[in-house]
N, C-alpha and C. Protein backbone atom coordinates (compact mmCIF):
# COMPACT_ATOMS: atom_id res chain seq x y z
N UNK A 1 -4.36 -5.45 14.79
CA UNK A 1 -3.95 -4.25 15.49
C UNK A 1 -5.19 -3.61 16.11
N UNK A 2 -5.24 -3.53 17.38
CA UNK A 2 -6.41 -3.01 18.08
C UNK A 2 -6.21 -1.53 18.48
N UNK A 3 -7.20 -0.67 18.22
CA UNK A 3 -7.14 0.72 18.50
C UNK A 3 -8.02 0.99 19.72
N UNK A 4 -7.42 1.54 20.76
CA UNK A 4 -8.19 1.89 21.99
C UNK A 4 -8.22 3.41 22.08
N UNK A 5 -9.49 3.92 22.20
CA UNK A 5 -9.64 5.39 22.21
C UNK A 5 -8.88 6.01 23.32
N UNK A 6 -8.13 7.08 23.06
CA UNK A 6 -7.32 7.86 23.98
C UNK A 6 -6.02 7.14 24.36
N UNK A 7 -5.84 5.91 23.87
CA UNK A 7 -4.63 5.14 24.24
C UNK A 7 -3.75 4.86 23.03
N UNK A 8 -4.33 4.98 21.81
CA UNK A 8 -3.54 4.64 20.64
C UNK A 8 -3.59 3.15 20.36
N UNK A 9 -2.53 2.71 19.65
CA UNK A 9 -2.48 1.28 19.24
C UNK A 9 -1.85 0.45 20.39
N UNK A 10 -2.32 -0.79 20.48
CA UNK A 10 -1.85 -1.68 21.52
C UNK A 10 -0.51 -2.29 21.13
N UNK A 11 -0.10 -2.27 19.81
CA UNK A 11 1.16 -2.75 19.43
C UNK A 11 2.31 -1.83 19.96
N UNK A 12 3.39 -2.40 20.39
CA UNK A 12 4.59 -1.55 20.77
C UNK A 12 5.48 -1.39 19.57
N UNK A 13 5.27 -0.29 18.82
CA UNK A 13 5.99 -0.06 17.58
C UNK A 13 7.47 0.12 17.86
N UNK A 14 7.83 0.57 19.04
CA UNK A 14 9.26 0.79 19.34
C UNK A 14 9.98 -0.56 19.43
N UNK A 15 9.30 -1.63 19.78
CA UNK A 15 9.86 -2.98 19.80
C UNK A 15 9.80 -3.58 18.38
N UNK A 16 8.81 -3.30 17.63
CA UNK A 16 8.63 -3.95 16.33
C UNK A 16 9.56 -3.35 15.29
N UNK A 17 9.78 -2.05 15.35
CA UNK A 17 10.53 -1.33 14.29
C UNK A 17 11.93 -1.82 14.07
N UNK A 18 12.74 -2.11 15.12
CA UNK A 18 14.08 -2.66 14.83
C UNK A 18 14.08 -3.95 14.08
N UNK A 19 13.14 -4.81 14.36
CA UNK A 19 13.05 -6.11 13.66
C UNK A 19 12.68 -5.88 12.20
N UNK A 20 11.74 -4.96 11.95
CA UNK A 20 11.41 -4.66 10.57
C UNK A 20 12.60 -4.07 9.82
N UNK A 21 13.34 -3.20 10.49
CA UNK A 21 14.52 -2.62 9.86
C UNK A 21 15.60 -3.62 9.50
N UNK A 22 15.80 -4.56 10.41
CA UNK A 22 16.76 -5.63 10.16
C UNK A 22 16.32 -6.51 9.03
N UNK A 23 15.04 -6.85 8.95
CA UNK A 23 14.50 -7.67 7.84
C UNK A 23 14.66 -6.91 6.52
N UNK A 24 14.42 -5.61 6.55
CA UNK A 24 14.45 -4.78 5.32
C UNK A 24 15.91 -4.67 4.81
N UNK A 25 16.85 -4.76 5.72
CA UNK A 25 18.28 -4.63 5.37
C UNK A 25 18.92 -5.95 4.98
N UNK A 26 18.39 -7.06 5.47
CA UNK A 26 19.10 -8.33 5.35
C UNK A 26 18.36 -9.30 4.36
N UNK A 27 17.06 -9.13 4.15
CA UNK A 27 16.39 -10.07 3.24
C UNK A 27 16.78 -9.74 1.82
N UNK A 28 16.83 -10.80 0.98
CA UNK A 28 17.27 -10.62 -0.38
C UNK A 28 16.10 -10.47 -1.33
N UNK A 29 16.21 -9.54 -2.33
CA UNK A 29 15.17 -9.43 -3.33
C UNK A 29 15.20 -10.68 -4.24
N UNK A 30 14.02 -11.13 -4.66
CA UNK A 30 13.92 -12.42 -5.38
C UNK A 30 14.64 -12.38 -6.73
N UNK A 31 14.66 -11.30 -7.38
CA UNK A 31 15.32 -11.23 -8.69
C UNK A 31 16.60 -10.43 -8.72
N UNK A 32 16.73 -9.39 -7.89
CA UNK A 32 17.94 -8.59 -7.87
C UNK A 32 19.05 -9.26 -7.06
N UNK A 33 18.67 -10.12 -6.06
CA UNK A 33 19.73 -10.69 -5.25
C UNK A 33 20.34 -9.81 -4.25
N UNK A 34 19.76 -8.61 -3.99
CA UNK A 34 20.23 -7.64 -3.07
C UNK A 34 19.16 -7.43 -1.96
N UNK A 35 19.56 -6.68 -0.93
CA UNK A 35 18.58 -6.37 0.12
C UNK A 35 17.55 -5.42 -0.40
N UNK A 36 16.36 -5.43 0.19
CA UNK A 36 15.33 -4.50 -0.24
C UNK A 36 15.73 -3.01 -0.06
N UNK A 37 16.46 -2.74 1.00
CA UNK A 37 16.93 -1.36 1.23
C UNK A 37 17.91 -0.98 0.13
N UNK A 38 18.78 -1.84 -0.31
CA UNK A 38 19.76 -1.48 -1.29
C UNK A 38 19.10 -1.32 -2.65
N UNK A 39 18.10 -2.15 -2.95
CA UNK A 39 17.42 -2.03 -4.22
C UNK A 39 16.66 -0.71 -4.33
N UNK A 40 16.03 -0.30 -3.20
CA UNK A 40 15.22 0.91 -3.22
C UNK A 40 16.03 2.16 -3.14
N UNK A 41 16.99 2.20 -2.14
CA UNK A 41 17.78 3.41 -1.85
C UNK A 41 19.23 3.35 -2.27
N UNK A 42 19.68 2.17 -2.73
CA UNK A 42 21.06 1.93 -3.19
C UNK A 42 22.06 1.93 -2.01
N UNK A 43 21.58 1.91 -0.82
CA UNK A 43 22.47 1.68 0.33
C UNK A 43 21.65 1.08 1.51
N UNK A 44 22.39 0.51 2.44
CA UNK A 44 21.70 -0.05 3.62
C UNK A 44 21.78 0.94 4.74
N UNK A 45 20.69 1.07 5.47
CA UNK A 45 20.65 1.96 6.63
C UNK A 45 21.50 1.37 7.77
N UNK A 46 21.86 2.18 8.68
CA UNK A 46 22.71 1.70 9.81
C UNK A 46 21.87 0.83 10.77
N UNK A 47 22.31 -0.35 11.09
CA UNK A 47 21.66 -1.19 11.98
C UNK A 47 22.34 -1.15 13.37
N UNK A 48 21.60 -1.57 14.45
CA UNK A 48 22.22 -1.61 15.77
C UNK A 48 23.52 -2.42 15.83
N UNK A 49 23.59 -3.51 15.04
CA UNK A 49 24.77 -4.37 15.07
C UNK A 49 25.99 -3.70 14.46
N UNK A 50 25.74 -2.64 13.64
CA UNK A 50 26.87 -1.96 12.97
C UNK A 50 27.70 -1.10 13.96
N UNK A 51 27.17 -0.90 15.22
CA UNK A 51 27.86 -0.14 16.21
C UNK A 51 28.91 -0.99 16.95
N UNK A 52 28.92 -2.34 16.62
CA UNK A 52 29.86 -3.21 17.34
C UNK A 52 31.14 -3.33 16.48
N UNK A 53 32.19 -3.75 17.17
CA UNK A 53 33.43 -4.00 16.47
C UNK A 53 33.30 -5.25 15.55
N UNK A 54 33.87 -5.21 14.44
CA UNK A 54 33.70 -6.27 13.44
C UNK A 54 34.36 -7.61 13.90
N UNK A 55 35.34 -7.54 14.80
CA UNK A 55 36.03 -8.76 15.21
C UNK A 55 35.34 -9.51 16.29
N UNK A 56 34.13 -9.00 16.75
CA UNK A 56 33.42 -9.75 17.79
C UNK A 56 32.72 -10.94 17.14
N UNK A 57 33.04 -12.12 17.65
CA UNK A 57 32.47 -13.34 17.06
C UNK A 57 31.15 -13.74 17.63
N UNK A 58 30.89 -13.41 18.87
CA UNK A 58 29.66 -13.89 19.51
C UNK A 58 29.20 -12.88 20.59
N UNK A 59 27.90 -12.64 20.59
CA UNK A 59 27.33 -11.72 21.62
C UNK A 59 26.29 -12.48 22.39
N UNK A 60 26.54 -12.72 23.65
CA UNK A 60 25.54 -13.46 24.44
C UNK A 60 24.46 -12.49 24.93
N UNK A 61 23.18 -12.97 24.98
CA UNK A 61 22.10 -12.06 25.48
C UNK A 61 22.34 -11.49 26.86
N UNK A 62 23.16 -12.10 27.66
CA UNK A 62 23.46 -11.54 29.01
C UNK A 62 24.61 -10.59 29.01
N UNK A 63 25.30 -10.41 27.88
CA UNK A 63 26.48 -9.53 27.84
C UNK A 63 26.03 -8.09 27.76
N UNK A 64 26.95 -7.21 28.19
CA UNK A 64 26.69 -5.77 28.12
C UNK A 64 26.57 -5.26 26.73
N UNK A 65 27.36 -5.82 25.81
CA UNK A 65 27.28 -5.37 24.41
C UNK A 65 25.93 -5.67 23.84
N UNK A 66 25.36 -6.78 24.18
CA UNK A 66 24.03 -7.12 23.69
C UNK A 66 22.98 -6.16 24.24
N UNK A 67 23.12 -5.83 25.52
CA UNK A 67 22.23 -4.88 26.13
C UNK A 67 22.34 -3.48 25.46
N UNK A 68 23.62 -3.13 25.16
CA UNK A 68 23.77 -1.82 24.50
C UNK A 68 23.15 -1.80 23.08
N UNK A 69 23.27 -2.94 22.39
CA UNK A 69 22.63 -3.03 21.10
C UNK A 69 21.13 -2.80 21.16
N UNK A 70 20.51 -3.50 22.09
CA UNK A 70 19.05 -3.36 22.22
C UNK A 70 18.71 -1.93 22.62
N UNK A 71 19.44 -1.26 23.46
CA UNK A 71 19.22 0.09 23.87
C UNK A 71 19.29 1.05 22.69
N UNK A 72 20.30 0.84 21.85
CA UNK A 72 20.46 1.66 20.66
C UNK A 72 19.22 1.48 19.73
N UNK A 73 18.81 0.23 19.60
CA UNK A 73 17.70 -0.09 18.66
C UNK A 73 16.41 0.55 19.21
N UNK A 74 16.15 0.46 20.49
CA UNK A 74 14.91 1.01 21.07
C UNK A 74 14.94 2.55 21.06
N UNK A 75 16.12 3.13 21.37
CA UNK A 75 16.26 4.57 21.33
C UNK A 75 16.00 5.15 19.90
N UNK A 76 16.56 4.49 18.95
CA UNK A 76 16.39 4.91 17.53
C UNK A 76 14.96 4.79 17.15
N UNK A 77 14.35 3.63 17.42
CA UNK A 77 12.94 3.41 17.04
C UNK A 77 12.02 4.38 17.77
N UNK A 78 12.32 4.66 19.06
CA UNK A 78 11.50 5.60 19.79
C UNK A 78 11.55 7.00 19.18
N UNK A 79 12.76 7.36 18.71
CA UNK A 79 12.90 8.68 18.06
C UNK A 79 12.11 8.76 16.72
N UNK A 80 12.17 7.67 15.97
CA UNK A 80 11.42 7.60 14.71
C UNK A 80 9.88 7.73 14.98
N UNK A 81 9.42 6.98 15.94
CA UNK A 81 7.99 7.05 16.30
C UNK A 81 7.54 8.47 16.76
N UNK A 82 8.38 9.06 17.59
CA UNK A 82 8.07 10.49 18.08
C UNK A 82 8.05 11.40 16.87
N UNK A 83 8.98 11.28 15.98
CA UNK A 83 9.01 12.18 14.83
C UNK A 83 7.79 11.97 13.96
N UNK A 84 7.41 10.69 13.78
CA UNK A 84 6.19 10.40 12.96
C UNK A 84 4.92 10.98 13.61
N UNK A 85 4.82 10.92 14.94
CA UNK A 85 3.66 11.48 15.60
C UNK A 85 3.64 12.96 15.45
N UNK A 86 4.73 13.63 15.58
CA UNK A 86 4.75 15.08 15.41
C UNK A 86 4.38 15.46 13.99
N UNK A 87 4.88 14.74 13.05
CA UNK A 87 4.57 14.99 11.65
C UNK A 87 3.08 14.78 11.41
N UNK A 88 2.54 13.77 11.98
CA UNK A 88 1.13 13.52 11.80
C UNK A 88 0.26 14.61 12.41
N UNK A 89 0.66 15.21 13.50
CA UNK A 89 -0.06 16.32 14.14
C UNK A 89 -0.07 17.54 13.21
N UNK A 90 1.08 17.75 12.56
CA UNK A 90 1.21 18.89 11.72
C UNK A 90 0.46 18.69 10.38
N UNK A 91 0.37 17.44 9.94
CA UNK A 91 -0.22 17.19 8.68
C UNK A 91 -1.76 17.13 8.70
N UNK A 92 -2.30 16.57 9.79
CA UNK A 92 -3.78 16.44 9.84
C UNK A 92 -4.25 17.30 10.96
N UNK A 93 -5.04 18.26 10.62
CA UNK A 93 -5.63 19.23 11.57
C UNK A 93 -7.12 19.03 11.57
N UNK A 94 -7.71 19.36 12.74
CA UNK A 94 -9.18 19.30 12.86
C UNK A 94 -9.79 20.34 11.95
N UNK A 95 -10.95 20.08 11.42
CA UNK A 95 -11.70 20.94 10.53
C UNK A 95 -10.97 21.22 9.22
N UNK A 96 -9.95 20.39 8.92
CA UNK A 96 -9.28 20.58 7.66
C UNK A 96 -10.10 20.02 6.54
N UNK A 97 -10.15 20.69 5.38
CA UNK A 97 -10.88 20.18 4.29
C UNK A 97 -10.15 19.04 3.57
N UNK A 98 -10.91 18.01 3.24
CA UNK A 98 -10.34 16.85 2.56
C UNK A 98 -11.24 16.48 1.42
N UNK A 99 -10.66 15.85 0.41
CA UNK A 99 -11.41 15.38 -0.74
C UNK A 99 -11.93 13.99 -0.35
N UNK A 100 -13.23 13.79 -0.44
CA UNK A 100 -13.83 12.53 0.00
C UNK A 100 -14.69 11.99 -1.15
N UNK A 101 -14.12 11.00 -1.90
CA UNK A 101 -14.78 10.48 -3.05
C UNK A 101 -15.76 9.33 -2.73
N UNK A 102 -16.46 8.93 -3.79
CA UNK A 102 -17.48 7.84 -3.60
C UNK A 102 -16.84 6.51 -3.27
N UNK A 103 -15.49 6.35 -3.54
CA UNK A 103 -14.85 5.09 -3.24
C UNK A 103 -14.53 4.93 -1.77
N UNK A 104 -14.75 5.94 -0.93
CA UNK A 104 -14.26 5.95 0.45
C UNK A 104 -15.47 5.83 1.41
N UNK A 105 -16.65 5.65 1.00
CA UNK A 105 -17.75 5.53 1.98
C UNK A 105 -18.81 4.54 1.50
N UNK A 106 -19.49 3.97 2.46
CA UNK A 106 -20.56 3.01 2.16
C UNK A 106 -21.82 3.71 1.66
N UNK A 107 -22.25 4.71 2.38
CA UNK A 107 -23.50 5.42 2.03
C UNK A 107 -23.53 6.81 2.65
N UNK A 108 -24.43 7.63 2.17
CA UNK A 108 -24.63 8.94 2.75
C UNK A 108 -25.61 8.83 3.88
N UNK A 109 -25.30 9.40 4.98
CA UNK A 109 -26.15 9.33 6.20
C UNK A 109 -26.79 10.75 6.31
N UNK A 110 -28.07 10.80 5.96
CA UNK A 110 -28.75 12.12 5.99
C UNK A 110 -28.08 13.05 4.97
N UNK A 111 -28.22 14.35 5.19
CA UNK A 111 -27.73 15.32 4.24
C UNK A 111 -26.32 15.78 4.46
N UNK A 112 -25.86 15.64 5.71
CA UNK A 112 -24.53 16.23 6.07
C UNK A 112 -23.60 15.26 6.75
N UNK A 113 -23.70 13.97 6.42
CA UNK A 113 -22.84 12.97 7.02
C UNK A 113 -22.65 11.80 6.09
N UNK A 114 -21.55 11.07 6.19
CA UNK A 114 -21.30 9.89 5.43
C UNK A 114 -20.80 8.78 6.34
N UNK A 115 -21.15 7.56 5.95
CA UNK A 115 -20.61 6.37 6.64
C UNK A 115 -19.41 5.93 5.93
N UNK A 116 -18.27 6.17 6.56
CA UNK A 116 -16.95 5.96 5.84
C UNK A 116 -16.58 4.50 5.91
N UNK A 117 -15.70 4.14 4.93
CA UNK A 117 -15.08 2.78 4.90
C UNK A 117 -13.76 2.87 5.70
N UNK A 118 -13.70 2.29 6.83
CA UNK A 118 -12.53 2.40 7.71
C UNK A 118 -11.70 1.13 7.57
N UNK A 119 -10.38 1.35 7.55
CA UNK A 119 -9.45 0.19 7.50
C UNK A 119 -9.44 -0.51 8.86
N UNK A 120 -8.81 -1.66 8.87
CA UNK A 120 -8.96 -2.55 10.08
C UNK A 120 -8.49 -1.85 11.33
N UNK A 121 -7.43 -1.09 11.29
CA UNK A 121 -6.89 -0.47 12.53
C UNK A 121 -7.84 0.61 13.04
N UNK A 122 -8.75 1.12 12.26
CA UNK A 122 -9.68 2.13 12.71
C UNK A 122 -11.07 1.57 12.79
N UNK A 123 -11.26 0.24 12.77
CA UNK A 123 -12.58 -0.33 12.72
C UNK A 123 -13.37 -0.11 13.98
N UNK A 124 -12.75 0.18 15.09
CA UNK A 124 -13.43 0.44 16.32
C UNK A 124 -13.97 1.86 16.49
N UNK A 125 -13.57 2.71 15.54
CA UNK A 125 -14.04 4.11 15.58
C UNK A 125 -15.44 4.14 14.94
N UNK A 126 -16.21 5.15 15.32
CA UNK A 126 -17.56 5.30 14.76
C UNK A 126 -17.40 5.71 13.30
N UNK A 127 -18.11 5.00 12.41
CA UNK A 127 -17.87 5.22 10.97
C UNK A 127 -18.53 6.46 10.34
N UNK A 128 -19.43 7.15 11.10
CA UNK A 128 -20.18 8.26 10.56
C UNK A 128 -19.47 9.56 10.87
N UNK A 129 -19.18 10.37 9.83
CA UNK A 129 -18.46 11.65 10.00
C UNK A 129 -19.28 12.75 9.34
N UNK A 130 -19.37 13.94 9.98
CA UNK A 130 -20.07 15.06 9.44
C UNK A 130 -19.32 15.66 8.23
N UNK A 131 -19.99 15.97 7.16
CA UNK A 131 -19.38 16.54 5.97
C UNK A 131 -20.33 17.62 5.42
N UNK A 132 -19.78 18.33 4.46
CA UNK A 132 -20.61 19.23 3.69
C UNK A 132 -20.01 19.38 2.34
N UNK A 133 -20.84 19.66 1.31
CA UNK A 133 -20.36 19.77 -0.05
C UNK A 133 -19.87 21.16 -0.34
N UNK A 134 -18.69 21.31 -0.93
CA UNK A 134 -18.21 22.57 -1.38
C UNK A 134 -18.72 22.94 -2.71
N UNK A 135 -19.29 21.98 -3.43
CA UNK A 135 -19.91 22.23 -4.73
C UNK A 135 -20.99 21.17 -4.97
N UNK A 136 -21.75 21.43 -6.04
CA UNK A 136 -22.81 20.47 -6.34
C UNK A 136 -22.24 19.10 -6.69
N UNK A 137 -23.01 18.08 -6.40
CA UNK A 137 -22.62 16.75 -6.71
C UNK A 137 -22.74 16.51 -8.24
N UNK A 138 -21.71 15.88 -8.79
CA UNK A 138 -21.69 15.59 -10.25
C UNK A 138 -21.99 14.13 -10.44
N UNK A 139 -22.96 13.78 -11.17
CA UNK A 139 -23.29 12.36 -11.37
C UNK A 139 -22.26 11.74 -12.30
N UNK A 140 -21.83 10.51 -11.93
CA UNK A 140 -20.86 9.80 -12.70
C UNK A 140 -21.54 8.59 -13.42
N UNK A 141 -21.20 8.41 -14.66
CA UNK A 141 -21.74 7.31 -15.38
C UNK A 141 -21.43 6.02 -14.84
N UNK A 142 -22.38 5.09 -14.84
CA UNK A 142 -22.14 3.79 -14.25
C UNK A 142 -21.16 2.95 -15.08
N UNK A 143 -21.26 3.06 -16.40
CA UNK A 143 -20.43 2.24 -17.25
C UNK A 143 -19.08 2.91 -17.47
N UNK A 144 -17.99 2.31 -17.00
CA UNK A 144 -16.63 2.84 -17.24
C UNK A 144 -16.25 2.78 -18.69
N UNK A 145 -15.71 3.87 -19.23
CA UNK A 145 -15.35 3.91 -20.65
C UNK A 145 -13.88 4.15 -20.86
N UNK A 146 -13.15 4.60 -19.90
CA UNK A 146 -11.73 4.95 -20.08
C UNK A 146 -10.88 3.77 -19.56
N UNK A 147 -10.22 3.09 -20.43
CA UNK A 147 -9.39 1.97 -20.08
C UNK A 147 -8.06 2.43 -19.53
N UNK A 148 -7.64 1.88 -18.42
CA UNK A 148 -6.33 2.19 -17.86
C UNK A 148 -5.29 1.23 -18.28
N UNK A 149 -5.64 -0.09 -18.27
CA UNK A 149 -4.62 -1.09 -18.66
C UNK A 149 -5.29 -2.42 -18.82
N UNK A 150 -4.67 -3.26 -19.61
CA UNK A 150 -5.00 -4.69 -19.72
C UNK A 150 -3.95 -5.50 -18.98
N UNK A 151 -4.40 -6.24 -17.94
CA UNK A 151 -3.39 -6.85 -17.06
C UNK A 151 -3.31 -8.35 -17.18
N UNK A 152 -4.27 -8.99 -17.91
CA UNK A 152 -4.21 -10.44 -17.97
C UNK A 152 -5.06 -10.92 -19.14
N UNK A 153 -4.66 -12.10 -19.68
CA UNK A 153 -5.38 -12.69 -20.80
C UNK A 153 -5.73 -14.13 -20.43
N UNK A 154 -6.83 -14.60 -20.94
CA UNK A 154 -7.30 -15.96 -20.62
C UNK A 154 -8.05 -16.50 -21.85
N UNK A 155 -7.97 -17.78 -22.06
CA UNK A 155 -8.66 -18.44 -23.14
C UNK A 155 -9.81 -19.28 -22.54
N UNK A 156 -11.02 -19.03 -23.10
CA UNK A 156 -12.23 -19.75 -22.65
C UNK A 156 -12.88 -20.42 -23.85
N UNK A 157 -13.78 -21.37 -23.53
CA UNK A 157 -14.50 -22.03 -24.61
C UNK A 157 -15.95 -21.67 -24.53
N UNK A 158 -16.47 -21.01 -25.57
CA UNK A 158 -17.85 -20.59 -25.62
C UNK A 158 -18.46 -21.08 -26.95
N UNK A 159 -19.63 -21.72 -26.86
CA UNK A 159 -20.38 -22.17 -28.00
C UNK A 159 -19.50 -23.06 -28.89
N UNK A 160 -18.64 -23.90 -28.22
CA UNK A 160 -17.80 -24.86 -28.94
C UNK A 160 -16.58 -24.20 -29.61
N UNK A 161 -16.30 -22.95 -29.33
CA UNK A 161 -15.14 -22.29 -29.96
C UNK A 161 -14.22 -21.71 -28.84
N UNK A 162 -12.92 -21.76 -29.06
CA UNK A 162 -12.00 -21.12 -28.13
C UNK A 162 -11.99 -19.58 -28.38
N UNK A 163 -12.19 -18.82 -27.29
CA UNK A 163 -12.18 -17.39 -27.42
C UNK A 163 -11.23 -16.80 -26.34
N UNK A 164 -10.53 -15.77 -26.68
CA UNK A 164 -9.58 -15.18 -25.78
C UNK A 164 -10.21 -13.85 -25.19
N UNK A 165 -10.17 -13.83 -23.86
CA UNK A 165 -10.67 -12.62 -23.20
C UNK A 165 -9.53 -11.98 -22.39
N UNK A 166 -9.72 -10.66 -22.09
CA UNK A 166 -8.66 -9.90 -21.45
C UNK A 166 -9.26 -9.17 -20.22
N UNK A 167 -8.56 -9.22 -19.12
CA UNK A 167 -8.98 -8.54 -17.90
C UNK A 167 -8.63 -7.09 -18.01
N UNK A 168 -9.61 -6.22 -18.04
CA UNK A 168 -9.44 -4.81 -18.27
C UNK A 168 -9.71 -4.00 -17.02
N UNK A 169 -8.82 -3.07 -16.63
CA UNK A 169 -9.07 -2.22 -15.52
C UNK A 169 -9.32 -0.78 -16.07
N UNK A 170 -10.20 -0.01 -15.36
CA UNK A 170 -10.69 1.26 -15.86
C UNK A 170 -10.18 2.36 -14.96
N UNK A 171 -9.96 3.50 -15.47
CA UNK A 171 -9.52 4.67 -14.73
C UNK A 171 -10.59 5.10 -13.78
N UNK A 172 -10.19 5.55 -12.60
CA UNK A 172 -11.12 6.10 -11.54
C UNK A 172 -12.17 5.12 -11.15
N UNK A 173 -11.94 3.85 -11.32
CA UNK A 173 -12.93 2.84 -10.98
C UNK A 173 -12.35 1.92 -9.93
N UNK A 174 -13.17 1.34 -9.01
CA UNK A 174 -12.73 0.36 -8.04
C UNK A 174 -12.47 -0.95 -8.70
N UNK A 175 -11.80 -1.83 -7.91
CA UNK A 175 -11.40 -3.14 -8.48
C UNK A 175 -12.61 -4.01 -8.88
N UNK A 176 -13.76 -3.79 -8.22
CA UNK A 176 -14.94 -4.66 -8.61
C UNK A 176 -15.54 -4.22 -9.95
N UNK A 177 -14.99 -3.14 -10.54
CA UNK A 177 -15.44 -2.73 -11.86
C UNK A 177 -14.58 -3.32 -12.99
N UNK A 178 -13.52 -4.08 -12.61
CA UNK A 178 -12.74 -4.75 -13.68
C UNK A 178 -13.58 -5.73 -14.42
N UNK A 179 -13.28 -5.89 -15.71
CA UNK A 179 -14.14 -6.78 -16.47
C UNK A 179 -13.26 -7.60 -17.46
N UNK A 180 -13.78 -8.84 -17.71
CA UNK A 180 -13.22 -9.72 -18.74
C UNK A 180 -13.94 -9.38 -20.03
N UNK A 181 -13.18 -8.91 -21.08
CA UNK A 181 -13.82 -8.46 -22.30
C UNK A 181 -13.02 -9.12 -23.46
N UNK A 182 -13.77 -9.31 -24.58
CA UNK A 182 -13.13 -9.73 -25.82
C UNK A 182 -12.48 -8.53 -26.46
N UNK A 183 -11.54 -8.77 -27.39
CA UNK A 183 -10.75 -7.67 -27.93
C UNK A 183 -11.62 -6.60 -28.65
N UNK A 184 -12.69 -7.09 -29.31
CA UNK A 184 -13.54 -6.12 -30.03
C UNK A 184 -14.42 -5.36 -29.11
N UNK A 185 -14.57 -5.76 -27.88
CA UNK A 185 -15.37 -5.05 -26.93
C UNK A 185 -14.64 -4.07 -26.01
N UNK A 186 -13.31 -4.01 -26.19
CA UNK A 186 -12.46 -3.09 -25.36
C UNK A 186 -12.46 -1.71 -26.05
N UNK A 187 -12.82 -0.68 -25.34
CA UNK A 187 -12.69 0.74 -25.87
C UNK A 187 -11.19 0.99 -26.28
N UNK A 188 -11.02 1.51 -27.48
CA UNK A 188 -9.62 1.71 -28.01
C UNK A 188 -8.81 0.43 -27.91
N UNK A 189 -9.42 -0.70 -28.25
CA UNK A 189 -8.80 -2.00 -28.10
C UNK A 189 -7.50 -2.12 -28.83
N UNK A 190 -7.47 -1.58 -30.05
CA UNK A 190 -6.20 -1.74 -30.83
C UNK A 190 -5.05 -1.15 -30.12
N UNK A 191 -5.21 0.05 -29.56
CA UNK A 191 -4.10 0.74 -28.88
C UNK A 191 -3.67 -0.03 -27.66
N UNK A 192 -4.61 -0.52 -26.84
CA UNK A 192 -4.23 -1.23 -25.63
C UNK A 192 -3.68 -2.61 -25.87
N UNK A 193 -4.11 -3.23 -26.97
CA UNK A 193 -3.57 -4.52 -27.34
C UNK A 193 -2.05 -4.40 -27.77
N UNK A 194 -1.79 -3.29 -28.48
CA UNK A 194 -0.37 -3.05 -28.91
C UNK A 194 0.50 -2.85 -27.69
N UNK A 195 -0.02 -2.10 -26.69
CA UNK A 195 0.74 -1.86 -25.47
C UNK A 195 0.97 -3.17 -24.74
N UNK A 196 -0.06 -4.04 -24.67
CA UNK A 196 0.03 -5.34 -23.98
C UNK A 196 1.07 -6.20 -24.68
N UNK A 197 1.01 -6.31 -25.99
CA UNK A 197 2.00 -7.14 -26.72
C UNK A 197 3.43 -6.58 -26.59
N UNK A 198 3.53 -5.23 -26.61
CA UNK A 198 4.85 -4.68 -26.43
C UNK A 198 5.45 -4.95 -25.10
N UNK A 199 4.65 -4.88 -24.04
CA UNK A 199 5.13 -5.18 -22.70
C UNK A 199 5.51 -6.67 -22.57
N UNK A 200 4.78 -7.51 -23.22
CA UNK A 200 5.13 -8.98 -23.10
C UNK A 200 6.46 -9.25 -23.86
N UNK A 201 6.66 -8.59 -25.03
CA UNK A 201 7.94 -8.74 -25.65
C UNK A 201 9.10 -8.24 -24.82
N UNK A 202 8.88 -7.14 -24.11
CA UNK A 202 9.97 -6.64 -23.21
C UNK A 202 10.22 -7.56 -22.08
N UNK A 203 9.20 -8.24 -21.51
CA UNK A 203 9.38 -9.20 -20.41
C UNK A 203 10.18 -10.38 -20.91
N UNK A 204 9.88 -10.91 -22.07
CA UNK A 204 10.60 -12.04 -22.61
C UNK A 204 12.06 -11.71 -22.92
N UNK A 205 12.31 -10.41 -23.32
CA UNK A 205 13.66 -10.02 -23.68
C UNK A 205 14.53 -9.96 -22.37
N UNK A 206 13.98 -9.49 -21.30
CA UNK A 206 14.75 -9.32 -20.06
C UNK A 206 14.82 -10.61 -19.23
N UNK A 207 14.10 -11.61 -19.61
CA UNK A 207 14.15 -12.87 -18.78
C UNK A 207 15.40 -13.63 -19.10
């Protein structure tokens, strides 16, 4: 997705949105066997094809009904995009204060600017933004100590013995801070191991 300054995105979202909506309504969830829309909202949103009579067997691309369907789809998508743009204008204002944590920038550029981590669609924008601190910077310990969850277990062989390690994620830490630890090395390991075993029993029960 390419961003051109003063022109917005080069993708035509008005054309893409109807196709996404149809896929969201018609594709089946792998375990529930229902559409994604029905699983999330318990009903399917109205599609352009729903405006046709149910007894129509075939709609040719050159037919007027097919043209009307595309017009309904584009008009609806255009309205959604316009509403999203207006909401975006109201939500994000210039000079608005935002919380900017250490996970969101590469480095501090001088005393009053940061080099931000921009997602792909904003990669063409200049990454340096002026900032100022509303309070003194608080140093954060390098070693994460608060465990959020144990998400995976693995068995490895060390010094001729099989040992089990667990992939631990920590609160307020980026993904590169995740660690493989043995049970005795996990902070509050007994508590988190009980949670892990309980979740596994629940998964086996519902399978």
